[in-house]
Structure formats: structure tokens, C-alpha cells
Amino acid sequence: MATFLLVRHGEAEGNLDHRFIGQSDAPLSPVGRRQAAAVSARLARMPIDRIISSDLCRAVDTVLPAANELGLTIDQDPRFREIDNGRWKGLLATEIAERWPELWARYTSGEDVPRPGGETWADVRHRVVDALADIAADSPDNSLVVVSAHGGPTLALASWACGLRPKGNLYQVPLMPPWNASITIIRAPNPHLIAFNDVGHLPLELQHSPHLGFLRS
């Protein structure tokens, strides 16, 4: 089986405002760049065989220092993107609640509602699990593969590896949202969760706990 190091990107512009960034190509913030340097320094000391990333710049840039140090290219796969927020893209929670009050009430109660013009969390889980299964099938045994992604896809894959299926939106599982620049370790194709939300490589001032899951995107 292959071992996958799932890296959540560093803090992006808009994260601190709790905007629904989703598939907006928001860059890393200054703090996010420091987090990227820290996680990349750890990855560069590992015998990594391959690096794959969401094609959004905040995910690519989080592992770019490690790729440069290891002499590896980054294969970009849009299936590891964050959720498609549709018409919620770039909005604050208060703005969404004002424009879609009934839908927002259902969402914040835990229902996996489709975002207008966008995806559900079930859609995200389906595409990221398929992507990881495809990569695992093509990876030699005992290979070490980095996947740089986002909070939603990382949580979806971690819950899949634990055999958990959310009853409602993605955050209705007993796992916290992964922190920025954290590492989660999964073995696949027969999934096992080895480690979750490891931030031991980050100084304390760079360890950022996400807010409530239904506000993360």
C-alpha cells in the first residue's frame, strides 16, 4: 500500500475574515507563507516519491519549497480542490444568511445542502476519494506520496479512512477540521488513518485552530 501525507494549505487571504473562499484562487497570507516554509522543511527530510496538489495556488505554494528542495515536480489535480461554493464564493457568513436565510438555516443545522450553483460536501467526498483511489492504484507499494489540498477534502479523506460517513454535512463526524499546514497520514487503497492534524512542525504562534466547521470553506 502507498502512504499519503495529506497537507492542508497554509493560511490564505480571506481565511481570517472567514470568507467562503472555496475554489477562489486566493493566495497564501504572510502567515501562510511562514507555515508553508515550516511544513515544507519537515517534508524535505522525508523520502517522498511524489507530490500532488490541488491546482489552486494556496495548495501548490504550500508544498513548493519542499518540491524544490527534493527536486520533484508538483502534479496538479483539480479533483483535490476545495468545495465549489457557487454563488456563495467569496461571501461572509452574514452575507449568505441575509441572501439565503432558509438555506443557511438548513446548512448551519447540519444538513448537507447544495450551495447555489455549486457542490455539496457529498460531492467533494466522492471526487477526492476517487482521486486518492486512482493514485493509490498507480503507486508502488511502500511509496510515500504528498497530497496538498484543503480543509474540506482533507477531512473527507480522513473520515473515509476511518470508515465514518457523515449524517448531514461533512462536519457531522467526530473529527475536528484540520488546521492550516497540518499533516494527516493515510494508507490506501485499503484505507487506514495513521495520523491526523499533526502540527508538530509549526511554532506555537503558527498553530491556528479553525472555527466551527460550517463556517469553513
Protein backbone atom coordinates (compact mmCIF):
# COMPACT_ATOMS: atom_id res chain seq x y z
CA MET A 1 0.00 0.00 0.00
CA ALA A 2 1.03 3.60 -0.54
CA THR A 3 1.28 6.10 2.29
CA PHE A 4 -0.24 9.54 1.71
CA LEU A 5 0.75 12.68 3.56
CA LEU A 6 -2.26 14.99 3.24
CA VAL A 7 -1.16 18.57 3.77
CA ARG A 8 -3.73 21.28 4.34
CA HIS A 9 -2.57 24.53 2.75
CA GLY A 10 -1.25 27.39 4.87
CA GLU A 11 -3.43 30.30 5.85
CA ALA A 12 -4.86 32.03 2.78
CA GLU A 13 -6.04 35.58 2.24
CA GLY A 14 -9.64 35.66 3.39
CA ASN A 15 -9.33 32.85 5.98
CA LEU A 16 -9.14 35.23 8.93
CA ASP A 17 -12.27 37.00 7.69
CA HIS A 18 -13.99 33.59 7.47
CA ARG A 19 -14.91 34.13 3.85
CA PHE A 20 -16.21 31.21 1.83
CA ILE A 21 -13.13 31.06 -0.37
CA GLY A 22 -13.80 27.63 -1.84
CA GLN A 23 -12.37 27.45 -5.35
CA SER A 24 -11.32 31.10 -5.47
CA ASP A 25 -7.59 31.16 -6.20
CA ALA A 26 -6.75 33.06 -3.02
CA PRO A 27 -3.00 33.32 -2.31
CA LEU A 28 -1.27 32.47 0.93
CA SER A 29 -1.18 35.22 3.53
CA PRO A 30 2.17 36.25 5.11
CA VAL A 31 1.40 33.84 7.96
CA GLY A 32 0.52 31.15 5.43
CA ARG A 33 3.90 31.55 3.73
CA ARG A 34 5.64 31.04 7.07
CA GLN A 35 3.51 27.94 7.69
CA ALA A 36 4.39 26.67 4.20
CA ALA A 37 8.10 27.08 4.94
CA ALA A 38 7.72 25.13 8.18
CA VAL A 39 5.76 22.20 6.77
CA SER A 40 7.99 22.07 3.69
CA ALA A 41 11.10 21.89 5.88
CA ARG A 42 9.64 18.79 7.52
CA LEU A 43 8.59 17.20 4.23
CA ALA A 44 12.03 17.82 2.69
CA ARG A 45 13.56 15.49 5.29
CA MET A 46 11.34 12.58 4.20
CA PRO A 47 11.90 10.02 1.40
CA ILE A 48 9.00 11.34 -0.66
CA ASP A 49 8.40 9.76 -4.05
CA ARG A 50 5.76 12.07 -5.49
CA ILE A 51 3.99 15.37 -4.77
CA ILE A 52 0.42 16.00 -5.95
CA SER A 53 -1.57 19.16 -5.31
CA SER A 54 -4.88 20.84 -5.87
CA ASP A 55 -4.32 23.25 -8.73
CA LEU A 56 -5.23 26.27 -6.57
CA CYS A 57 -2.20 28.40 -5.79
CA ARG A 58 -2.51 28.27 -2.00
CA ALA A 59 -2.15 24.47 -2.10
CA VAL A 60 0.65 24.46 -4.68
CA ASP A 61 2.62 27.18 -2.90
CA THR A 62 2.38 25.37 0.45
CA VAL A 63 4.48 22.44 -0.82
CA LEU A 64 6.55 24.28 -3.44
CA PRO A 65 9.56 24.81 -1.11
CA ALA A 66 9.61 21.07 -0.35
CA ALA A 67 9.35 20.18 -4.03
CA ASN A 68 12.26 22.48 -4.87
CA GLU A 69 14.39 21.03 -2.09
CA LEU A 70 13.62 17.44 -3.12
CA GLY A 71 13.97 18.09 -6.85
CA LEU A 72 10.41 16.91 -7.53
CA THR A 73 7.74 18.36 -9.78
CA ILE A 74 4.24 19.01 -8.45
CA ASP A 75 1.49 17.16 -10.31
CA GLN A 76 -1.67 19.27 -10.16
CA ASP A 77 -5.04 17.54 -9.84
CA PRO A 78 -8.19 19.72 -9.66
CA ARG A 79 -10.10 16.88 -8.00
CA PHE A 80 -8.37 17.89 -4.74
CA ARG A 81 -9.82 21.41 -4.87
CA GLU A 82 -11.90 22.80 -2.03
CA ILE A 83 -15.70 22.73 -2.36
CA ASP A 84 -17.26 24.74 -5.18
CA ASN A 85 -19.16 27.44 -3.31
CA GLY A 86 -21.14 28.55 -6.36
CA ARG A 87 -22.82 31.89 -5.64
CA TRP A 88 -21.57 31.78 -2.06
CA LYS A 89 -17.97 32.22 -3.30
CA GLY A 90 -16.13 34.99 -1.52
CA LEU A 91 -19.01 35.88 0.80
CA LEU A 92 -19.09 36.20 4.57
CA ALA A 93 -21.45 34.02 6.61
CA THR A 94 -23.55 37.09 7.48
CA GLU A 95 -23.95 37.90 3.78
CA ILE A 96 -25.03 34.34 2.97
CA ALA A 97 -27.51 34.33 5.86
CA GLU A 98 -29.02 37.57 4.62
CA ARG A 99 -29.39 36.46 0.98
CA TRP A 100 -30.35 32.80 1.54
CA PRO A 101 -31.89 32.72 5.05
CA GLU A 102 -33.76 29.40 4.70
CA LEU A 103 -30.87 27.60 3.01
CA TRP A 104 -28.40 28.98 5.55
CA ALA A 105 -30.58 27.81 8.45
CA ARG A 106 -30.62 24.30 6.99
CA TYR A 107 -26.86 24.41 6.43
CA THR A 108 -26.00 25.60 9.94
CA SER A 109 -28.29 22.94 11.41
CA GLY A 110 -26.01 20.31 9.85
CA GLU A 111 -27.81 19.48 6.60
CA ASP A 112 -25.64 18.88 3.52
CA VAL A 113 -27.36 21.45 1.31
CA PRO A 114 -26.22 22.19 -2.26
CA ARG A 115 -24.64 25.61 -2.49
CA PRO A 116 -26.45 27.61 -5.21
CA GLY A 117 -24.57 26.85 -8.43
CA GLY A 118 -22.03 24.79 -6.50
CA GLU A 119 -21.45 21.46 -4.73
CA THR A 120 -22.50 19.54 -1.65
CA TRP A 121 -19.98 18.03 0.77
CA ALA A 122 -21.06 14.61 -0.53
CA ASP A 123 -19.87 15.72 -3.98
CA VAL A 124 -16.49 16.68 -2.52
CA ARG A 125 -16.10 13.39 -0.68
CA HIS A 126 -16.91 11.41 -3.82
CA ARG A 127 -14.35 13.18 -6.02
CA VAL A 128 -11.46 13.21 -3.53
CA VAL A 129 -11.92 9.55 -2.58
CA ASP A 130 -11.96 8.62 -6.27
CA ALA A 131 -8.83 10.70 -6.85
CA LEU A 132 -6.90 9.10 -3.98
CA ALA A 133 -8.01 5.60 -5.03
CA ASP A 134 -6.79 6.25 -8.57
CA ILE A 135 -3.40 7.45 -7.33
CA ALA A 136 -3.08 4.54 -4.90
CA ALA A 137 -3.78 2.07 -7.70
CA ASP A 138 -0.93 3.59 -9.75
CA SER A 139 1.55 3.87 -6.86
CA PRO A 140 4.09 1.19 -5.98
CA ASP A 141 3.87 -0.47 -2.58
CA ASN A 142 5.58 1.44 0.21
CA SER A 143 5.71 4.67 -1.80
CA LEU A 144 5.34 7.97 0.06
CA VAL A 145 3.08 10.49 -1.67
CA VAL A 146 2.31 14.06 -0.60
CA VAL A 147 -1.14 15.44 -1.46
CA SER A 148 -1.53 19.18 -0.85
CA ALA A 149 -5.19 20.06 -0.50
CA HIS A 150 -7.72 21.95 1.60
CA GLY A 151 -9.66 21.61 4.82
CA GLY A 152 -12.76 20.00 3.34
CA PRO A 153 -11.01 17.42 1.15
CA THR A 154 -8.61 16.50 3.96
CA LEU A 155 -11.44 15.96 6.43
CA ALA A 156 -13.39 13.99 3.82
CA LEU A 157 -10.44 11.65 3.23
CA ALA A 158 -9.71 11.27 6.95
CA SER A 159 -13.33 10.34 7.69
CA TRP A 160 -13.31 7.89 4.76
CA ALA A 161 -10.14 6.26 6.09
CA CYS A 162 -11.83 5.85 9.50
CA GLY A 163 -14.94 4.31 7.98
CA LEU A 164 -17.04 7.31 9.01
CA ARG A 165 -19.89 8.58 6.86
CA PRO A 166 -21.36 11.94 7.89
CA LYS A 167 -25.10 12.09 8.52
CA GLY A 168 -25.51 15.54 7.04
CA ASN A 169 -22.71 17.86 6.04
CA LEU A 170 -19.05 16.90 6.17
CA TYR A 171 -18.56 18.26 9.68
CA GLN A 172 -21.07 15.84 11.24
CA VAL A 173 -18.24 13.43 12.06
CA PRO A 174 -16.27 13.25 15.35
CA LEU A 175 -13.14 14.83 13.87
CA MET A 176 -12.07 18.46 14.14
CA PRO A 177 -11.42 20.49 10.99
CA PRO A 178 -7.70 20.13 10.12
CA TRP A 179 -5.50 23.11 10.92
CA ASN A 180 -3.61 25.15 8.36
CA ALA A 181 -0.35 23.45 7.28
CA SER A 182 -1.19 20.28 9.21
CA ILE A 183 -0.26 16.78 8.06
CA THR A 184 -2.72 13.88 8.04
CA ILE A 185 -1.41 10.41 7.12
CA ILE A 186 -3.47 7.75 5.33
CA ARG A 187 -2.58 4.38 3.85
CA ALA A 188 -4.52 3.28 0.77
CA PRO A 189 -6.11 1.64 -1.25
CA ASN A 190 -7.29 -0.33 1.81
CA PRO A 191 -7.74 2.81 3.86
CA HIS A 192 -6.22 3.29 7.30
CA LEU A 193 -5.87 6.59 9.15
CA ILE A 194 -2.37 6.69 10.66
CA ALA A 195 -2.18 10.28 11.96
CA PHE A 196 -4.49 13.29 11.93
CA ASN A 197 -3.89 17.04 12.15
CA ASP A 198 -0.19 16.80 13.04
CA VAL A 199 1.18 20.34 13.54
CA GLY A 200 4.33 19.44 15.47
CA HIS A 201 6.45 21.16 12.81
CA LEU A 202 4.77 24.54 13.41
CA PRO A 203 5.87 27.03 16.09
CA LEU A 204 3.07 27.73 18.56
CA GLU A 205 2.35 31.13 17.07
CA LEU A 206 1.64 29.50 13.69
CA GLN A 207 -0.71 26.80 15.02
CA HIS A 208 -4.15 28.08 14.04
CA SER A 209 -7.30 26.29 15.14
CA PRO A 210 -10.16 26.62 12.64
CA HIS A 211 -13.53 27.90 13.71
CA LEU A 212 -16.76 25.93 13.54
CA GLY A 213 -16.89 23.56 10.60
CA PHE A 214 -19.96 25.05 8.95
CA LEU A 215 -18.11 28.34 8.56
CA ARG A 216 -15.05 26.77 6.94
CA SER A 217 -14.76 26.53 3.18
